[in-house]
Protein backbone atom coordinates (compact mmCIF):
# COMPACT_ATOMS: atom_id res chain seq x y z
CA MET A 1 -47.66 3.09 0.98
CA PRO A 2 -45.96 2.96 4.41
CA GLU A 3 -43.16 5.43 5.00
CA SER A 4 -39.88 4.18 6.44
CA SER A 5 -37.19 6.19 8.15
CA HIS A 6 -33.95 5.38 9.89
CA ARG A 7 -31.91 6.98 12.62
CA ILE A 8 -29.16 6.20 15.10
CA ALA A 9 -30.57 4.36 18.11
CA THR A 10 -30.13 5.84 21.57
CA GLU A 11 -30.40 4.47 25.08
CA ALA A 12 -34.05 5.60 25.12
CA ASP A 13 -34.73 3.03 22.36
CA ILE A 14 -33.45 0.07 24.39
CA PRO A 15 -36.88 -1.22 25.57
CA ALA A 16 -38.26 -1.16 22.01
CA LEU A 17 -35.10 -2.79 20.64
CA VAL A 18 -35.21 -5.60 23.21
CA GLY A 19 -38.85 -6.27 22.29
CA LEU A 20 -38.06 -6.30 18.57
CA MET A 21 -35.11 -8.66 19.10
CA ASP A 22 -37.26 -11.03 21.14
CA LEU A 23 -39.89 -11.15 18.39
CA ALA A 24 -37.25 -11.76 15.72
CA ILE A 25 -35.61 -14.60 17.69
CA SER A 26 -38.88 -16.34 18.54
CA GLY A 27 -40.47 -15.72 15.13
CA PRO A 28 -38.46 -15.96 11.91
CA LEU A 29 -35.42 -17.65 13.45
CA ALA A 30 -37.63 -20.45 14.79
CA ALA A 31 -38.05 -21.71 11.22
CA PHE A 32 -34.34 -22.67 11.23
CA LEU A 33 -33.75 -23.87 14.79
CA THR A 34 -35.15 -26.28 17.36
CA ALA A 35 -36.87 -25.05 20.53
CA ASP A 36 -33.68 -25.77 22.49
CA GLN A 37 -31.60 -23.80 19.97
CA ILE A 38 -34.03 -20.86 20.20
CA ALA A 39 -33.63 -20.88 23.99
CA ALA A 40 -29.85 -21.02 23.56
CA SER A 41 -30.02 -18.17 21.01
CA ARG A 42 -31.64 -15.97 23.64
CA MET A 43 -28.59 -16.61 25.84
CA LEU A 44 -26.13 -15.79 23.05
CA MET A 45 -27.78 -12.98 21.11
CA GLY A 46 -29.39 -9.71 22.02
CA LEU A 47 -28.66 -6.12 22.80
CA ASP A 48 -25.09 -4.84 22.87
CA SER A 49 -25.28 -1.51 24.66
CA GLN A 50 -21.70 -0.68 23.58
CA ILE A 51 -22.69 -0.19 19.94
CA ILE A 52 -25.60 1.97 21.04
CA ALA A 53 -23.20 4.07 23.15
CA ASP A 54 -20.81 4.22 20.17
CA ARG A 55 -23.70 5.58 18.04
CA THR A 56 -23.20 2.91 15.37
CA TYR A 57 -26.57 1.20 15.81
CA PHE A 58 -29.53 1.97 13.56
CA ILE A 59 -33.25 1.62 14.04
CA VAL A 60 -35.63 1.58 11.08
CA GLU A 61 -39.23 2.60 11.64
CA VAL A 62 -42.19 2.18 9.33
CA ASP A 63 -44.94 4.67 10.08
CA GLY A 64 -43.34 5.19 13.50
CA VAL A 65 -43.23 1.46 14.38
CA PRO A 66 -39.82 -0.22 14.97
CA ALA A 67 -39.39 -2.53 11.97
CA GLY A 68 -35.74 -3.45 12.21
CA CYS A 69 -32.44 -2.70 13.85
CA GLY A 70 -28.79 -3.42 13.34
CA GLY A 71 -25.43 -1.81 13.45
CA TRP A 72 -21.76 -2.01 12.95
CA SER A 73 -18.85 -1.86 15.34
CA ARG A 74 -15.31 -0.66 15.45
CA ARG A 75 -14.63 -3.11 18.30
CA ILE A 76 -13.31 -6.69 18.34
CA THR A 77 -16.47 -8.44 19.65
CA THR A 78 -18.10 -10.26 16.73
CA TYR A 79 -21.56 -11.08 18.10
CA GLY A 80 -23.66 -11.40 21.21
CA GLY A 81 -25.50 -9.28 23.71
CA ASP A 82 -24.36 -7.65 26.93
CA HIS A 83 -24.95 -10.87 28.87
CA LYS A 84 -22.73 -13.07 26.62
CA PRO A 85 -19.32 -13.93 28.09
CA GLY A 86 -16.10 -13.37 26.17
CA ARG A 87 -16.80 -9.87 24.88
CA VAL A 88 -13.75 -7.87 23.76
CA PRO A 89 -14.41 -4.10 23.60
CA ALA A 90 -10.90 -3.23 22.35
CA PRO A 91 -10.90 -1.12 19.16
CA LEU A 92 -10.28 -2.34 15.63
CA THR A 93 -7.94 -0.57 13.21
CA PRO A 94 -9.42 0.77 9.94
CA GLY A 95 -7.55 -0.52 6.90
CA VAL A 96 -6.14 -3.43 8.93
CA ASP A 97 -9.14 -5.04 10.62
CA ALA A 98 -12.63 -5.69 9.31
CA ALA A 99 -15.44 -3.65 10.84
CA ARG A 100 -18.14 -5.82 12.42
CA VAL A 101 -21.77 -5.83 11.33
CA ARG A 102 -23.72 -6.62 14.49
CA ALA A 103 -27.12 -7.46 15.93
CA MET A 104 -29.31 -7.36 12.84
CA TYR A 105 -33.00 -8.03 13.59
CA THR A 106 -36.21 -7.55 11.61
CA HIS A 107 -39.67 -7.51 13.16
CA PRO A 108 -41.69 -10.50 11.84
CA ASP A 109 -44.37 -8.15 10.44
CA PHE A 110 -41.77 -6.46 8.21
CA LEU A 111 -39.89 -9.41 6.70
CA ARG A 112 -39.00 -9.35 2.99
CA ARG A 113 -39.57 -5.59 2.68
CA GLY A 114 -35.94 -4.50 2.35
CA ILE A 115 -35.49 -3.48 6.00
CA GLY A 116 -32.48 -5.75 6.58
CA ARG A 117 -30.85 -4.67 3.33
CA MET A 118 -31.39 -1.00 4.22
CA ILE A 119 -29.66 -1.49 7.57
CA LEU A 120 -26.84 -3.46 5.98
CA ASP A 121 -26.27 -0.68 3.43
CA LEU A 122 -26.23 1.93 6.22
CA CYS A 123 -23.67 -0.11 8.18
CA GLU A 124 -21.40 -0.63 5.20
CA ALA A 125 -21.51 3.06 4.21
CA ALA A 126 -20.72 4.19 7.76
CA ALA A 127 -17.83 1.71 8.13
CA ARG A 128 -16.44 2.73 4.73
CA ALA A 129 -16.65 6.42 5.74
CA GLU A 130 -14.48 5.64 8.78
CA GLY A 131 -11.79 4.01 6.65
CA TYR A 132 -12.69 0.32 6.85
CA ASP A 133 -12.17 -1.58 3.60
CA ARG A 134 -13.95 -4.76 4.65
CA VAL A 135 -16.63 -6.00 7.02
CA GLU A 136 -17.32 -9.27 8.79
CA LEU A 137 -20.35 -10.62 10.61
CA VAL A 138 -21.64 -13.75 12.27
CA ALA A 139 -24.89 -14.85 10.68
CA THR A 140 -27.67 -17.04 11.90
CA MET A 141 -29.14 -19.53 9.45
CA GLY A 142 -32.07 -17.15 9.03
CA GLY A 143 -29.83 -14.22 8.11
CA GLU A 144 -27.42 -16.05 5.82
CA PRO A 145 -29.55 -15.68 2.64
CA LEU A 146 -29.68 -11.87 3.06
CA TYR A 147 -25.92 -11.62 3.48
CA LEU A 148 -25.20 -13.91 0.53
CA SER A 149 -27.47 -11.77 -1.67
CA ALA A 150 -25.58 -8.67 -0.48
CA GLY A 151 -22.22 -10.08 -1.58
CA TYR A 152 -20.97 -11.61 1.67
CA ARG A 153 -18.98 -14.83 1.47
CA GLU A 154 -18.62 -17.64 3.97
CA ILE A 155 -15.42 -17.67 6.02
CA GLU A 156 -16.29 -20.48 8.44
CA ARG A 157 -19.21 -22.41 9.87
CA PHE A 158 -19.31 -23.20 13.57
CA GLU A 159 -21.64 -23.90 16.46
CA ASP A 160 -21.87 -21.99 19.72
CA ASP A 161 -23.12 -24.19 22.55
CA ARG A 162 -22.60 -21.75 25.44
CA GLY A 163 -26.37 -21.23 25.65
CA GLY A 164 -27.01 -24.91 26.42
CA ALA A 165 -27.64 -26.22 22.88
CA PRO A 166 -25.45 -25.95 19.78
CA VAL A 167 -26.58 -22.99 17.63
CA PRO A 168 -25.29 -23.11 14.02
CA LEU A 169 -23.63 -19.88 12.88
CA VAL A 170 -21.55 -18.75 9.93
CA ARG A 171 -18.84 -16.09 9.93
CA MET A 172 -19.02 -14.12 6.69
CA GLY A 173 -17.13 -11.24 5.13
CA LYS A 174 -17.27 -8.69 2.35
CA SER A 175 -14.87 -6.24 0.79
CA LEU A 176 -15.89 -2.58 0.81
CA LYS A 177 -13.34 -1.64 -1.84
CA ASP A 178 -14.84 -0.29 -5.05
CA GLY A 179 -14.94 -2.95 -7.74
CA ALA A 180 -13.86 -5.76 -5.40
CA ALA A 181 -15.45 -8.97 -6.64
CA ASP A 182 -15.00 -11.02 -3.47
CA PHE A 183 -14.05 -10.76 0.14
CA GLU A 184 -10.44 -11.49 0.86
CA GLY A 185 -10.04 -12.40 4.53
CA LYS A 186 -6.86 -11.57 6.36
């Protein structure tokens, strides 16, 4: 049985992370989007070096091979890579704002093996440890089923067309309070 491990990603991991993200966008996400939307997704999504610098980004490896990545943020930006316009690096306030789950990707060879759920659990635990009582994320259509199964609820559906074609996305949230049945957005 393959052995998985996780750790905080560093700047040295950036080339491997970019490769994994590219495979995830062109592979599994392609089942939900047109070719034009995949091209637009490449313009909108990708690596956010700020969450790597903040040491809130995880990499999961299976037998030493990058199988997935994802993180959380204590900053306002909700989604998108370094190249996406409109980023807001200002800090969030624990107990007032929702922490952001960001940039979740699974290598196509490791789908449906619990990698995404492992990363999501790591993100939620870390955000909770820093005083956040809720989390939000922006999901692709490919990621939405994972987040629904993990207790996230839809806040709003929208399209982002800044990459040249409208890419459907859904903002979702979850309470991190013990015993909370549903997310209560503020």
